[in-house]
Amino acid sequence: MRQFEIGLVLPISQSFVDGSTTRWADIRDLAVRAEEMGFDTVWIPDELLWRAPEATEGGTGWWECVAMTGAVAAATSRVKVGTWILSALHRNPGISAKPRGSRPSSPFADPRRSRWGVGGGAA
């Protein structure tokens, strides 16, 4: 029987409550705490174009997904780290696949710790 895993989607976007964007230190601490609590996976959503109607001026309020996935993987040691959905419409497939085949010591090169999801569908 296949093992059931529990995951957490990390908050990397502009808040609907007060318009603030979660800081890296908070995201890192949440990922480390999730690992300590026994979560099996943490997921980072990808969004390049979506804007909340009430978004503040001067930015999107989203951290970049692939960079954040690497940072979270470097800050943790056991938990699997993955992209919740990686937008295939906005990313070059060859460049998106590059981190997965990078250095053997990279967290992305370990299939036990990395999960890549590509979303395709109607918007």
PDB file of N, CA and C in Angstrom:
ATOM      1  N   MET A   1       0.831  -1.174   0.000  1.00  0.00           N
ATOM      2  CA  MET A   1       0.000   0.000   0.000  1.00  0.00           C
ATOM      3  C   MET A   1       0.886   1.252   0.000  1.00  0.00           C
ATOM      4  N   ARG A   2       0.486   2.245  -0.745  1.00  0.00           N
ATOM      5  CA  ARG A   2       1.240   3.484  -0.855  1.00  0.00           C
ATOM      6  C   ARG A   2       1.071   4.329   0.405  1.00  0.00           C
ATOM      7  N   GLN A   3       2.156   4.942   0.852  1.00  0.00           N
ATOM      8  CA  GLN A   3       2.142   5.757   2.062  1.00  0.00           C
ATOM      9  C   GLN A   3       1.457   7.097   1.804  1.00  0.00           C
ATOM     10  N   PHE A   4       0.658   7.536   2.751  1.00  0.00           N
ATOM     11  CA  PHE A   4      -0.043   8.819   2.685  1.00  0.00           C
ATOM     12  C   PHE A   4       0.904   9.908   3.179  1.00  0.00           C
ATOM     13  N   GLU A   5       0.984  11.024   2.457  1.00  0.00           N
ATOM     14  CA  GLU A   5       1.862  12.128   2.853  1.00  0.00           C
ATOM     15  C   GLU A   5       1.047  13.383   3.123  1.00  0.00           C
ATOM     16  N   ILE A   6       1.509  14.153   4.093  1.00  0.00           N
ATOM     17  CA  ILE A   6       0.860  15.417   4.455  1.00  0.00           C
ATOM     18  C   ILE A   6       1.766  16.566   4.032  1.00  0.00           C
ATOM     19  N   GLY A   7       1.188  17.550   3.345  1.00  0.00           N
ATOM     20  CA  GLY A   7       1.972  18.679   2.856  1.00  0.00           C
ATOM     21  C   GLY A   7       1.404  20.014   3.276  1.00  0.00           C
ATOM     22  N   LEU A   8       2.177  21.050   3.041  1.00  0.00           N
ATOM     23  CA  LEU A   8       1.815  22.416   3.383  1.00  0.00           C
ATOM     24  C   LEU A   8       2.178  23.327   2.212  1.00  0.00           C
ATOM     25  N   VAL A   9       1.250  24.186   1.805  1.00  0.00           N
ATOM     26  CA  VAL A   9       1.539  25.182   0.778  1.00  0.00           C
ATOM     27  C   VAL A   9       2.036  26.439   1.498  1.00  0.00           C
ATOM     28  N   LEU A  10       3.235  26.865   1.162  1.00  0.00           N
ATOM     29  CA  LEU A  10       3.825  28.033   1.823  1.00  0.00           C
ATOM     30  C   LEU A  10       3.210  29.324   1.282  1.00  0.00           C
ATOM     31  N   PRO A  11       2.982  30.301   2.158  1.00  0.00           N
ATOM     32  CA  PRO A  11       2.395  31.578   1.728  1.00  0.00           C
ATOM     33  C   PRO A  11       3.470  32.498   1.154  1.00  0.00           C
ATOM     34  N   ILE A  12       3.495  32.644  -0.173  1.00  0.00           N
ATOM     35  CA  ILE A  12       4.529  33.488  -0.785  1.00  0.00           C
ATOM     36  C   ILE A  12       3.922  34.674  -1.531  1.00  0.00           C
ATOM     37  N   SER A  13       2.652  34.918  -1.324  1.00  0.00           N
ATOM     38  CA  SER A  13       1.984  35.979  -2.077  1.00  0.00           C
ATOM     39  C   SER A  13       1.535  37.110  -1.176  1.00  0.00           C
ATOM     40  N   GLN A  14       1.080  38.163  -1.819  1.00  0.00           N
ATOM     41  CA  GLN A  14       0.553  39.315  -1.107  1.00  0.00           C
ATOM     42  C   GLN A  14      -0.697  38.908  -0.342  1.00  0.00           C
ATOM     43  N   SER A  15      -0.780  39.301   0.910  1.00  0.00           N
ATOM     44  CA  SER A  15      -1.898  38.928   1.770  1.00  0.00           C
ATOM     45  C   SER A  15      -3.191  39.611   1.350  1.00  0.00           C
ATOM     46  N   PHE A  16      -4.289  38.858   1.401  1.00  0.00           N
ATOM     47  CA  PHE A  16      -5.598  39.443   1.131  1.00  0.00           C
ATOM     48  C   PHE A  16      -6.068  40.279   2.310  1.00  0.00           C
ATOM     49  N   VAL A  17      -5.470  40.059   3.472  1.00  0.00           N
ATOM     50  CA  VAL A  17      -5.911  40.739   4.691  1.00  0.00           C
ATOM     51  C   VAL A  17      -5.369  42.157   4.768  1.00  0.00           C
ATOM     52  N   ASP A  18      -4.041  42.306   4.701  1.00  0.00           N
ATOM     53  CA  ASP A  18      -3.459  43.636   4.888  1.00  0.00           C
ATOM     54  C   ASP A  18      -2.559  44.096   3.736  1.00  0.00           C
ATOM     55  N   GLY A  19      -2.436  43.304   2.675  1.00  0.00           N
ATOM     56  CA  GLY A  19      -1.639  43.706   1.525  1.00  0.00           C
ATOM     57  C   GLY A  19      -0.148  43.492   1.682  1.00  0.00           C
ATOM     58  N   SER A  20       0.299  42.932   2.824  1.00  0.00           N
ATOM     59  CA  SER A  20       1.728  42.715   3.025  1.00  0.00           C
ATOM     60  C   SER A  20       2.176  41.441   2.315  1.00  0.00           C
ATOM     61  N   THR A  21       3.453  41.358   2.024  1.00  0.00           N
ATOM     62  CA  THR A  21       4.036  40.165   1.425  1.00  0.00           C
ATOM     63  C   THR A  21       4.876  39.468   2.478  1.00  0.00           C
ATOM     64  N   THR A  22       4.710  38.158   2.606  1.00  0.00           N
ATOM     65  CA  THR A  22       5.461  37.379   3.578  1.00  0.00           C
ATOM     66  C   THR A  22       6.956  37.512   3.308  1.00  0.00           C
ATOM     67  N   ARG A  23       7.734  37.746   4.335  1.00  0.00           N
ATOM     68  CA  ARG A  23       9.188  37.910   4.215  1.00  0.00           C
ATOM     69  C   ARG A  23       9.884  36.549   4.186  1.00  0.00           C
ATOM     70  N   TRP A  24      11.072  36.509   3.581  1.00  0.00           N
ATOM     71  CA  TRP A  24      11.830  35.272   3.451  1.00  0.00           C
ATOM     72  C   TRP A  24      12.053  34.604   4.802  1.00  0.00           C
ATOM     73  N   ALA A  25      12.422  35.362   5.820  1.00  0.00           N
ATOM     74  CA  ALA A  25      12.692  34.768   7.136  1.00  0.00           C
ATOM     75  C   ALA A  25      11.465  34.023   7.664  1.00  0.00           C
ATOM     76  N   ASP A  26      10.289  34.571   7.432  1.00  0.00           N
ATOM     77  CA  ASP A  26       9.050  33.920   7.879  1.00  0.00           C
ATOM     78  C   ASP A  26       8.754  32.663   7.071  1.00  0.00           C
ATOM     79  N   ILE A  27       8.986  32.717   5.762  1.00  0.00           N
ATOM     80  CA  ILE A  27       8.765  31.551   4.902  1.00  0.00           C
ATOM     81  C   ILE A  27       9.734  30.433   5.299  1.00  0.00           C
ATOM     82  N   ARG A  28      10.997  30.788   5.479  1.00  0.00           N
ATOM     83  CA  ARG A  28      12.011  29.804   5.894  1.00  0.00           C
ATOM     84  C   ARG A  28      11.643  29.179   7.235  1.00  0.00           C
ATOM     85  N   ASP A  29      11.271  30.014   8.207  1.00  0.00           N
ATOM     86  CA  ASP A  29      10.910  29.502   9.529  1.00  0.00           C
ATOM     87  C   ASP A  29       9.699  28.578   9.463  1.00  0.00           C
ATOM     88  N   LEU A  30       8.731  28.923   8.621  1.00  0.00           N
ATOM     89  CA  LEU A  30       7.545  28.079   8.469  1.00  0.00           C
ATOM     90  C   LEU A  30       7.903  26.727   7.842  1.00  0.00           C
ATOM     91  N   ALA A  31       8.770  26.737   6.842  1.00  0.00           N
ATOM     92  CA  ALA A  31       9.193  25.485   6.203  1.00  0.00           C
ATOM     93  C   ALA A  31       9.967  24.607   7.186  1.00  0.00           C
ATOM     94  N   VAL A  32      10.875  25.215   7.940  1.00  0.00           N
ATOM     95  CA  VAL A  32      11.657  24.462   8.931  1.00  0.00           C
ATOM     96  C   VAL A  32      10.737  23.916  10.018  1.00  0.00           C
ATOM     97  N   ARG A  33       9.797  24.715  10.464  1.00  0.00           N
ATOM     98  CA  ARG A  33       8.852  24.267  11.496  1.00  0.00           C
ATOM     99  C   ARG A  33       7.974  23.128  10.969  1.00  0.00           C
ATOM    100  N   ALA A  34       7.523  23.223   9.717  1.00  0.00           N
ATOM    101  CA  ALA A  34       6.720  22.155   9.123  1.00  0.00           C
ATOM    102  C   ALA A  34       7.526  20.853   9.102  1.00  0.00           C
ATOM    103  N   GLU A  35       8.809  20.953   8.755  1.00  0.00           N
ATOM    104  CA  GLU A  35       9.671  19.776   8.752  1.00  0.00           C
ATOM    105  C   GLU A  35       9.802  19.198  10.157  1.00  0.00           C
ATOM    106  N   GLU A  36      10.006  20.062  11.152  1.00  0.00           N
ATOM    107  CA  GLU A  36      10.134  19.618  12.538  1.00  0.00           C
ATOM    108  C   GLU A  36       8.853  18.953  13.049  1.00  0.00           C
ATOM    109  N   MET A  37       7.707  19.426  12.573  1.00  0.00           N
ATOM    110  CA  MET A  37       6.420  18.884  13.004  1.00  0.00           C
ATOM    111  C   MET A  37       6.082  17.565  12.305  1.00  0.00           C
ATOM    112  N   GLY A  38       6.856  17.192  11.293  1.00  0.00           N
ATOM    113  CA  GLY A  38       6.638  15.923  10.631  1.00  0.00           C
ATOM    114  C   GLY A  38       5.928  16.000   9.289  1.00  0.00           C
ATOM    115  N   PHE A  39       5.701  17.203   8.762  1.00  0.00           N
ATOM    116  CA  PHE A  39       5.127  17.298   7.418  1.00  0.00           C
ATOM    117  C   PHE A  39       6.056  16.598   6.444  1.00  0.00           C
ATOM    118  N   ASP A  40       5.474  15.988   5.417  1.00  0.00           N
ATOM    119  CA  ASP A  40       6.258  15.266   4.420  1.00  0.00           C
ATOM    120  C   ASP A  40       6.689  16.152   3.262  1.00  0.00           C
ATOM    121  N   THR A  41       5.846  17.130   2.909  1.00  0.00           N
ATOM    122  CA  THR A  41       6.118  17.985   1.756  1.00  0.00           C
ATOM    123  C   THR A  41       5.786  19.438   2.069  1.00  0.00           C
ATOM    124  N   VAL A  42       6.483  20.341   1.398  1.00  0.00           N
ATOM    125  CA  VAL A  42       6.088  21.746   1.363  1.00  0.00           C
ATOM    126  C   VAL A  42       6.048  22.157  -0.100  1.00  0.00           C
ATOM    127  N   TRP A  43       5.059  22.957  -0.440  1.00  0.00           N
ATOM    128  CA  TRP A  43       4.810  23.334  -1.826  1.00  0.00           C
ATOM    129  C   TRP A  43       4.886  24.846  -1.982  1.00  0.00           C
ATOM    130  N   ILE A  44       5.418  25.283  -3.115  1.00  0.00           N
ATOM    131  CA  ILE A  44       5.521  26.702  -3.430  1.00  0.00           C
ATOM    132  C   ILE A  44       4.708  26.957  -4.695  1.00  0.00           C
ATOM    133  N   PRO A  45       3.677  27.828  -4.610  1.00  0.00           N
ATOM    134  CA  PRO A  45       2.874  28.125  -5.800  1.00  0.00           C
ATOM    135  C   PRO A  45       3.625  29.037  -6.767  1.00  0.00           C
ATOM    136  N   ASP A  46       3.223  28.995  -8.020  1.00  0.00           N
ATOM    137  CA  ASP A  46       3.825  29.819  -9.063  1.00  0.00           C
ATOM    138  C   ASP A  46       2.770  30.753  -9.627  1.00  0.00           C
ATOM    139  N   GLU A  47       3.098  32.005  -9.722  1.00  0.00           N
ATOM    140  CA  GLU A  47       2.184  32.972 -10.336  1.00  0.00           C
ATOM    141  C   GLU A  47       3.002  34.132 -10.870  1.00  0.00           C
ATOM    142  N   LEU A  48       2.879  34.377 -12.163  1.00  0.00           N
ATOM    143  CA  LEU A  48       3.641  35.461 -12.780  1.00  0.00           C
ATOM    144  C   LEU A  48       2.787  36.665 -13.141  1.00  0.00           C
ATOM    145  N   LEU A  49       1.517  36.478 -13.417  1.00  0.00           N
ATOM    146  CA  LEU A  49       0.699  37.570 -13.937  1.00  0.00           C
ATOM    147  C   LEU A  49      -0.503  37.953 -13.081  1.00  0.00           C
ATOM    148  N   TRP A  50      -0.974  37.059 -12.225  1.00  0.00           N
ATOM    149  CA  TRP A  50      -2.186  37.336 -11.458  1.00  0.00           C
ATOM    150  C   TRP A  50      -1.988  38.496 -10.493  1.00  0.00           C
ATOM    151  N   ARG A  51      -2.957  39.355 -10.399  1.00  0.00           N
ATOM    152  CA  ARG A  51      -2.919  40.487  -9.462  1.00  0.00           C
ATOM    153  C   ARG A  51      -4.242  40.534  -8.703  1.00  0.00           C
ATOM    154  N   ALA A  52      -4.161  40.661  -7.410  1.00  0.00           N
ATOM    155  CA  ALA A  52      -5.376  40.839  -6.604  1.00  0.00           C
ATOM    156  C   ALA A  52      -5.952  42.211  -6.919  1.00  0.00           C
ATOM    157  N   PRO A  53      -7.278  42.326  -6.991  1.00  0.00           N
ATOM    158  CA  PRO A  53      -7.882  43.626  -7.282  1.00  0.00           C
ATOM    159  C   PRO A  53      -7.458  44.712  -6.294  1.00  0.00           C
ATOM    160  N   GLU A  54      -7.221  44.318  -5.053  1.00  0.00           N
ATOM    161  CA  GLU A  54      -6.836  45.287  -4.025  1.00  0.00           C
ATOM    162  C   GLU A  54      -5.326  45.374  -3.819  1.00  0.00           C
ATOM    163  N   ALA A  55      -4.529  44.831  -4.760  1.00  0.00           N
ATOM    164  CA  ALA A  55      -3.067  44.834  -4.632  1.00  0.00           C
ATOM    165  C   ALA A  55      -2.533  46.257  -4.537  1.00  0.00           C
ATOM    166  N   THR A  56      -1.492  46.405  -3.737  1.00  0.00           N
ATOM    167  CA  THR A  56      -0.877  47.709  -3.580  1.00  0.00           C
ATOM    168  C   THR A  56      -0.065  48.051  -4.821  1.00  0.00           C
ATOM    169  N   GLU A  57       0.166  49.314  -5.052  1.00  0.00           N
ATOM    170  CA  GLU A  57       0.929  49.760  -6.221  1.00  0.00           C
ATOM    171  C   GLU A  57       2.403  49.421  -6.049  1.00  0.00           C
ATOM    172  N   GLY A  58       3.098  49.240  -7.158  1.00  0.00           N
ATOM    173  CA  GLY A  58       4.540  49.068  -7.124  1.00  0.00           C
ATOM    174  C   GLY A  58       5.031  47.638  -7.097  1.00  0.00           C
ATOM    175  N   GLY A  59       4.168  46.667  -7.276  1.00  0.00           N
ATOM    176  CA  GLY A  59       4.661  45.294  -7.297  1.00  0.00           C
ATOM    177  C   GLY A  59       3.548  44.289  -7.311  1.00  0.00           C
ATOM    178  N   THR A  60       3.945  43.046  -7.511  1.00  0.00           N
ATOM    179  CA  THR A  60       2.955  41.977  -7.578  1.00  0.00           C
ATOM    180  C   THR A  60       2.700  41.361  -6.222  1.00  0.00           C
ATOM    181  N   GLY A  61       3.660  41.447  -5.319  1.00  0.00           N
ATOM    182  CA  GLY A  61       3.499  40.830  -4.027  1.00  0.00           C
ATOM    183  C   GLY A  61       3.699  39.330  -4.033  1.00  0.00           C
ATOM    184  N   TRP A  62       4.358  38.774  -5.067  1.00  0.00           N
ATOM    185  CA  TRP A  62       4.635  37.335  -5.149  1.00  0.00           C
ATOM    186  C   TRP A  62       6.139  37.105  -5.212  1.00  0.00           C
ATOM    187  N   TRP A  63       6.626  36.140  -4.462  1.00  0.00           N
ATOM    188  CA  TRP A  63       7.997  35.700  -4.602  1.00  0.00           C
ATOM    189  C   TRP A  63       8.081  34.802  -5.836  1.00  0.00           C
ATOM    190  N   GLU A  64       9.252  34.741  -6.461  1.00  0.00           N
ATOM    191  CA  GLU A  64       9.439  33.909  -7.641  1.00  0.00           C
ATOM    192  C   GLU A  64       9.535  32.443  -7.210  1.00  0.00           C
ATOM    193  N   CYS A  65       8.749  31.601  -7.830  1.00  0.00           N
ATOM    194  CA  CYS A  65       8.549  30.214  -7.407  1.00  0.00           C
ATOM    195  C   CYS A  65       9.814  29.352  -7.449  1.00  0.00           C
ATOM    196  N   VAL A  66      10.515  29.322  -8.560  1.00  0.00           N
ATOM    197  CA  VAL A  66      11.662  28.430  -8.702  1.00  0.00           C
ATOM    198  C   VAL A  66      12.776  28.832  -7.747  1.00  0.00           C
ATOM    199  N   ALA A  67      13.047  30.117  -7.633  1.00  0.00           N
ATOM    200  CA  ALA A  67      14.067  30.589  -6.695  1.00  0.00           C
ATOM    201  C   ALA A  67      13.677  30.255  -5.256  1.00  0.00           C
ATOM    202  N   MET A  68      12.409  30.444  -4.913  1.00  0.00           N
ATOM    203  CA  MET A  68      11.952  30.149  -3.560  1.00  0.00           C
ATOM    204  C   MET A  68      12.009  28.648  -3.272  1.00  0.00           C
ATOM    205  N   THR A  69      11.729  27.815  -4.274  1.00  0.00           N
ATOM    206  CA  THR A  69      11.809  26.366  -4.095  1.00  0.00           C
ATOM    207  C   THR A  69      13.245  25.966  -3.748  1.00  0.00           C
ATOM    208  N   GLY A  70      14.220  26.527  -4.445  1.00  0.00           N
ATOM    209  CA  GLY A  70      15.620  26.239  -4.149  1.00  0.00           C
ATOM    210  C   GLY A  70      16.037  26.729  -2.777  1.00  0.00           C
ATOM    211  N   ALA A  71      15.568  27.916  -2.400  1.00  0.00           N
ATOM    212  CA  ALA A  71      15.910  28.468  -1.094  1.00  0.00           C
ATOM    213  C   ALA A  71      15.325  27.622   0.034  1.00  0.00           C
ATOM    214  N   VAL A  72      14.083  27.189  -0.124  1.00  0.00           N
ATOM    215  CA  VAL A  72      13.444  26.352   0.898  1.00  0.00           C
ATOM    216  C   VAL A  72      14.143  24.995   0.975  1.00  0.00           C
ATOM    217  N   ALA A  73      14.505  24.420  -0.169  1.00  0.00           N
ATOM    218  CA  ALA A  73      15.215  23.138  -0.170  1.00  0.00           C
ATOM    219  C   ALA A  73      16.562  23.259   0.544  1.00  0.00           C
ATOM    220  N   ALA A  74      17.242  24.389   0.360  1.00  0.00           N
ATOM    221  CA  ALA A  74      18.532  24.594   1.022  1.00  0.00           C
ATOM    222  C   ALA A  74      18.379  24.792   2.524  1.00  0.00           C
ATOM    223  N   ALA A  75      17.241  25.331   2.965  1.00  0.00           N
ATOM    224  CA  ALA A  75      17.010  25.619   4.380  1.00  0.00           C
ATOM    225  C   ALA A  75      16.482  24.412   5.150  1.00  0.00           C
ATOM    226  N   THR A  76      16.047  23.374   4.433  1.00  0.00           N
ATOM    227  CA  THR A  76      15.509  22.174   5.074  1.00  0.00           C
ATOM    228  C   THR A  76      16.385  20.981   4.718  1.00  0.00           C
ATOM    229  N   SER A  77      16.149  19.843   5.386  1.00  0.00           N
ATOM    230  CA  SER A  77      16.996  18.688   5.107  1.00  0.00           C
ATOM    231  C   SER A  77      16.233  17.418   4.755  1.00  0.00           C
ATOM    232  N   ARG A  78      15.002  17.266   5.206  1.00  0.00           N
ATOM    233  CA  ARG A  78      14.269  16.030   4.990  1.00  0.00           C
ATOM    234  C   ARG A  78      13.007  16.208   4.155  1.00  0.00           C
ATOM    235  N   VAL A  79      12.283  17.265   4.413  1.00  0.00           N
ATOM    236  CA  VAL A  79      10.983  17.467   3.782  1.00  0.00           C
ATOM    237  C   VAL A  79      11.138  17.574   2.264  1.00  0.00           C
ATOM    238  N   LYS A  80      10.189  17.001   1.524  1.00  0.00           N
ATOM    239  CA  LYS A  80      10.185  17.133   0.065  1.00  0.00           C
ATOM    240  C   LYS A  80       9.702  18.540  -0.276  1.00  0.00           C
ATOM    241  N   VAL A  81      10.349  19.165  -1.244  1.00  0.00           N
ATOM    242  CA  VAL A  81      10.019  20.530  -1.642  1.00  0.00           C
ATOM    243  C   VAL A  81       9.615  20.507  -3.111  1.00  0.00           C
ATOM    244  N   GLY A  82       8.496  21.147  -3.423  1.00  0.00           N
ATOM    245  CA  GLY A  82       8.059  21.125  -4.809  1.00  0.00           C
ATOM    246  C   GLY A  82       7.273  22.350  -5.210  1.00  0.00           C
ATOM    247  N   THR A  83       7.130  22.479  -6.502  1.00  0.00           N
ATOM    248  CA  THR A  83       6.284  23.545  -7.038  1.00  0.00           C
ATOM    249  C   THR A  83       4.855  23.046  -7.015  1.00  0.00           C
ATOM    250  N   TRP A  84       3.979  23.832  -6.469  1.00  0.00           N
ATOM    251  CA  TRP A  84       2.576  23.431  -6.374  1.00  0.00           C
ATOM    252  C   TRP A  84       2.040  23.224  -7.783  1.00  0.00           C
ATOM    253  N   ILE A  85       2.135  24.244  -8.604  1.00  0.00           N
ATOM    254  CA  ILE A  85       1.895  24.150 -10.040  1.00  0.00           C
ATOM    255  C   ILE A  85       2.875  25.119 -10.678  1.00  0.00           C
ATOM    256  N   LEU A  86       3.647  24.652 -11.608  1.00  0.00           N
ATOM    257  CA  LEU A  86       4.592  25.493 -12.328  1.00  0.00           C
ATOM    258  C   LEU A  86       3.947  25.851 -13.657  1.00  0.00           C
ATOM    259  N   SER A  87       3.717  27.117 -13.881  1.00  0.00           N
ATOM    260  CA  SER A  87       2.972  27.564 -15.047  1.00  0.00           C
ATOM    261  C   SER A  87       3.727  27.302 -16.345  1.00  0.00           C
ATOM    262  N   ALA A  88       3.220  26.350 -17.129  1.00  0.00           N
ATOM    263  CA  ALA A  88       3.850  25.997 -18.395  1.00  0.00           C
ATOM    264  C   ALA A  88       3.655  27.079 -19.452  1.00  0.00           C
ATOM    265  N   LEU A  89       2.674  27.915 -19.272  1.00  0.00           N
ATOM    266  CA  LEU A  89       2.396  28.961 -20.260  1.00  0.00           C
ATOM    267  C   LEU A  89       3.363  30.133 -20.181  1.00  0.00           C
ATOM    268  N   HIS A  90       4.039  30.289 -19.055  1.00  0.00           N
ATOM    269  CA  HIS A  90       4.892  31.455 -18.844  1.00  0.00           C
ATOM    270  C   HIS A  90       6.373  31.117 -18.707  1.00  0.00           C
ATOM    271  N   ARG A  91       6.726  29.852 -18.859  1.00  0.00           N
ATOM    272  CA  ARG A  91       8.119  29.449 -18.636  1.00  0.00           C
ATOM    273  C   ARG A  91       8.626  28.599 -19.791  1.00  0.00           C
ATOM    274  N   ASN A  92       9.875  28.802 -20.156  1.00  0.00           N
ATOM    275  CA  ASN A  92      10.530  27.995 -21.173  1.00  0.00           C
ATOM    276  C   ASN A  92      10.790  26.610 -20.580  1.00  0.00           C
ATOM    277  N   PRO A  93      10.310  25.537 -21.230  1.00  0.00           N
ATOM    278  CA  PRO A  93      10.471  24.196 -20.649  1.00  0.00           C
ATOM    279  C   PRO A  93      11.922  23.784 -20.423  1.00  0.00           C
ATOM    280  N   GLY A  94      12.802  24.154 -21.319  1.00  0.00           N
ATOM    281  CA  GLY A  94      14.208  23.797 -21.157  1.00  0.00           C
ATOM    282  C   GLY A  94      14.840  24.475 -19.959  1.00  0.00           C
ATOM    283  N   ILE A  95      14.543  25.744 -19.779  1.00  0.00           N
ATOM    284  CA  ILE A  95      15.088  26.478 -18.633  1.00  0.00           C
ATOM    285  C   ILE A  95      14.451  25.980 -17.346  1.00  0.00           C
ATOM    286  N   SER A  96      13.170  25.661 -17.393  1.00  0.00           N
ATOM    287  CA  SER A  96      12.489  25.149 -16.201  1.00  0.00           C
ATOM    288  C   SER A  96      13.049  23.797 -15.771  1.00  0.00           C
ATOM    289  N   ALA A  97      13.477  22.976 -16.724  1.00  0.00           N
ATOM    290  CA  ALA A  97      14.014  21.651 -16.407  1.00  0.00           C
ATOM    291  C   ALA A  97      15.460  21.711 -15.941  1.00  0.00           C
ATOM    292  N   LYS A  98      16.154  22.794 -16.200  1.00  0.00           N
ATOM    293  CA  LYS A  98      17.579  22.879 -15.894  1.00  0.00           C
ATOM    294  C   LYS A  98      17.906  22.643 -14.416  1.00  0.00           C
ATOM    295  N   PRO A  99      17.220  23.258 -13.442  1.00  0.00           N
ATOM    296  CA  PRO A  99      17.596  22.990 -12.050  1.00  0.00           C
ATOM    297  C   PRO A  99      17.480  21.522 -11.677  1.00  0.00           C
ATOM    298  N   ARG A 100      16.545  20.818 -12.271  1.00  0.00           N
ATOM    299  CA  ARG A 100      16.330  19.402 -11.962  1.00  0.00           C
ATOM    300  C   ARG A 100      17.544  18.563 -12.356  1.00  0.00           C
ATOM    301  N   GLY A 101      18.226  18.941 -13.403  1.00  0.00           N
ATOM    302  CA  GLY A 101      19.382  18.166 -13.856  1.00  0.00           C
ATOM    303  C   GLY A 101      20.702  18.810 -13.499  1.00  0.00           C
ATOM    304  N   SER A 102      20.703  19.711 -12.526  1.00  0.00           N
ATOM    305  CA  SER A 102      21.922  20.434 -12.167  1.00  0.00           C
ATOM    306  C   SER A 102      22.849  19.567 -11.309  1.00  0.00           C
ATOM    307  N   ARG A 103      23.774  20.205 -10.663  1.00  0.00           N
ATOM    308  CA  ARG A 103      24.796  19.518  -9.871  1.00  0.00           C
ATOM    309  C   ARG A 103      24.240  18.329  -9.082  1.00  0.00           C
ATOM    310  N   PRO A 104      24.986  17.233  -8.978  1.00  0.00           N
ATOM    311  CA  PRO A 104      24.525  16.081  -8.197  1.00  0.00           C
ATOM    312  C   PRO A 104      24.266  16.417  -6.731  1.00  0.00           C
ATOM    313  N   SER A 105      24.943  17.431  -6.190  1.00  0.00           N
ATOM    314  CA  SER A 105      24.746  17.795  -4.787  1.00  0.00           C
ATOM    315  C   SER A 105      23.535  18.709  -4.573  1.00  0.00           C
ATOM    316  N   SER A 106      22.917  19.157  -5.655  1.00  0.00           N
ATOM    317  CA  SER A 106      21.765  20.041  -5.553  1.00  0.00           C
ATOM    318  C   SER A 106      20.560  19.314  -4.964  1.00  0.00           C
ATOM    319  N   PRO A 107      19.761  19.989  -4.081  1.00  0.00           N
ATOM    320  CA  PRO A 107      18.536  19.358  -3.589  1.00  0.00           C
ATOM    321  C   PRO A 107      17.596  18.972  -4.725  1.00  0.00           C
ATOM    322  N   PHE A 108      17.665  19.691  -5.865  1.00  0.00           N
ATOM    323  CA  PHE A 108      16.799  19.387  -6.999  1.00  0.00           C
ATOM    324  C   PHE A 108      17.183  18.072  -7.674  1.00  0.00           C
ATOM    325  N   ALA A 109      18.427  17.634  -7.519  1.00  0.00           N
ATOM    326  CA  ALA A 109      18.878  16.413  -8.177  1.00  0.00           C
ATOM    327  C   ALA A 109      18.453  15.160  -7.422  1.00  0.00           C
ATOM    328  N   ASP A 110      17.941  15.304  -6.219  1.00  0.00           N
ATOM    329  CA  ASP A 110      17.518  14.170  -5.408  1.00  0.00           C
ATOM    330  C   ASP A 110      16.019  13.949  -5.577  1.00  0.00           C
ATOM    331  N   PRO A 111      15.597  12.898  -6.294  1.00  0.00           N
ATOM    332  CA  PRO A 111      14.163  12.693  -6.534  1.00  0.00           C
ATOM    333  C   PRO A 111      13.376  12.413  -5.259  1.00  0.00           C
ATOM    334  N   ARG A 112      14.059  12.082  -4.168  1.00  0.00           N
ATOM    335  CA  ARG A 112      13.356  11.871  -2.902  1.00  0.00           C
ATOM    336  C   ARG A 112      12.959  13.188  -2.253  1.00  0.00           C
ATOM    337  N   ARG A 113      13.595  14.308  -2.664  1.00  0.00           N
ATOM    338  CA  ARG A 113      13.325  15.589  -2.026  1.00  0.00           C
ATOM    339  C   ARG A 113      12.685  16.621  -2.933  1.00  0.00           C
ATOM    340  N   SER A 114      12.603  16.386  -4.226  1.00  0.00           N
ATOM    341  CA  SER A 114      12.067  17.431  -5.103  1.00  0.00           C
ATOM    342  C   SER A 114      10.867  16.916  -5.878  1.00  0.00           C
ATOM    343  N   ARG A 115       9.897  17.793  -6.056  1.00  0.00           N
ATOM    344  CA  ARG A 115       8.706  17.478  -6.822  1.00  0.00           C
ATOM    345  C   ARG A 115       8.405  18.661  -7.721  1.00  0.00           C
ATOM    346  N   TRP A 116       8.286  18.407  -9.024  1.00  0.00           N
ATOM    347  CA  TRP A 116       7.976  19.458  -9.980  1.00  0.00           C
ATOM    348  C   TRP A 116       6.607  19.160 -10.573  1.00  0.00           C
ATOM    349  N   GLY A 117       5.722  20.142 -10.548  1.00  0.00           N
ATOM    350  CA  GLY A 117       4.410  19.992 -11.155  1.00  0.00           C
ATOM    351  C   GLY A 117       4.218  21.058 -12.217  1.00  0.00           C
ATOM    352  N   VAL A 118       3.715  20.670 -13.356  1.00  0.00           N
ATOM    353  CA  VAL A 118       3.487  21.629 -14.426  1.00  0.00           C
ATOM    354  C   VAL A 118       1.985  21.698 -14.666  1.00  0.00           C
ATOM    355  N   GLY A 119       1.447  22.912 -14.604  1.00  0.00           N
ATOM    356  CA  GLY A 119       0.003  23.094 -14.787  1.00  0.00           C
ATOM    357  C   GLY A 119      -0.330  23.502 -16.215  1.00  0.00           C
ATOM    358  N   GLY A 120      -1.277  22.854 -16.759  1.00  0.00           N
ATOM    359  CA  GLY A 120      -1.762  23.210 -18.086  1.00  0.00           C
ATOM    360  C   GLY A 120      -3.274  23.164 -18.064  1.00  0.00           C
ATOM    361  N   GLY A 121      -3.908  24.193 -18.522  1.00  0.00           N
ATOM    362  CA  GLY A 121      -5.367  24.185 -18.511  1.00  0.00           C
ATOM    363  C   GLY A 121      -5.906  25.548 -18.899  1.00  0.00           C
ATOM    364  N   ALA A 122      -7.189  25.638 -18.958  1.00  0.00           N
ATOM    365  CA  ALA A 122      -7.838  26.892 -19.330  1.00  0.00           C
ATOM    366  C   ALA A 122      -7.796  27.876 -18.177  1.00  0.00           C
ATOM    367  N   ALA A 123      -7.555  29.116 -18.498  1.00  0.00           N
ATOM    368  CA  ALA A 123      -7.519  30.149 -17.462  1.00  0.00           C
ATOM    369  C   ALA A 123      -8.864  30.830 -17.371  1.00  0.00           C
TER     370      ALA A 123
END
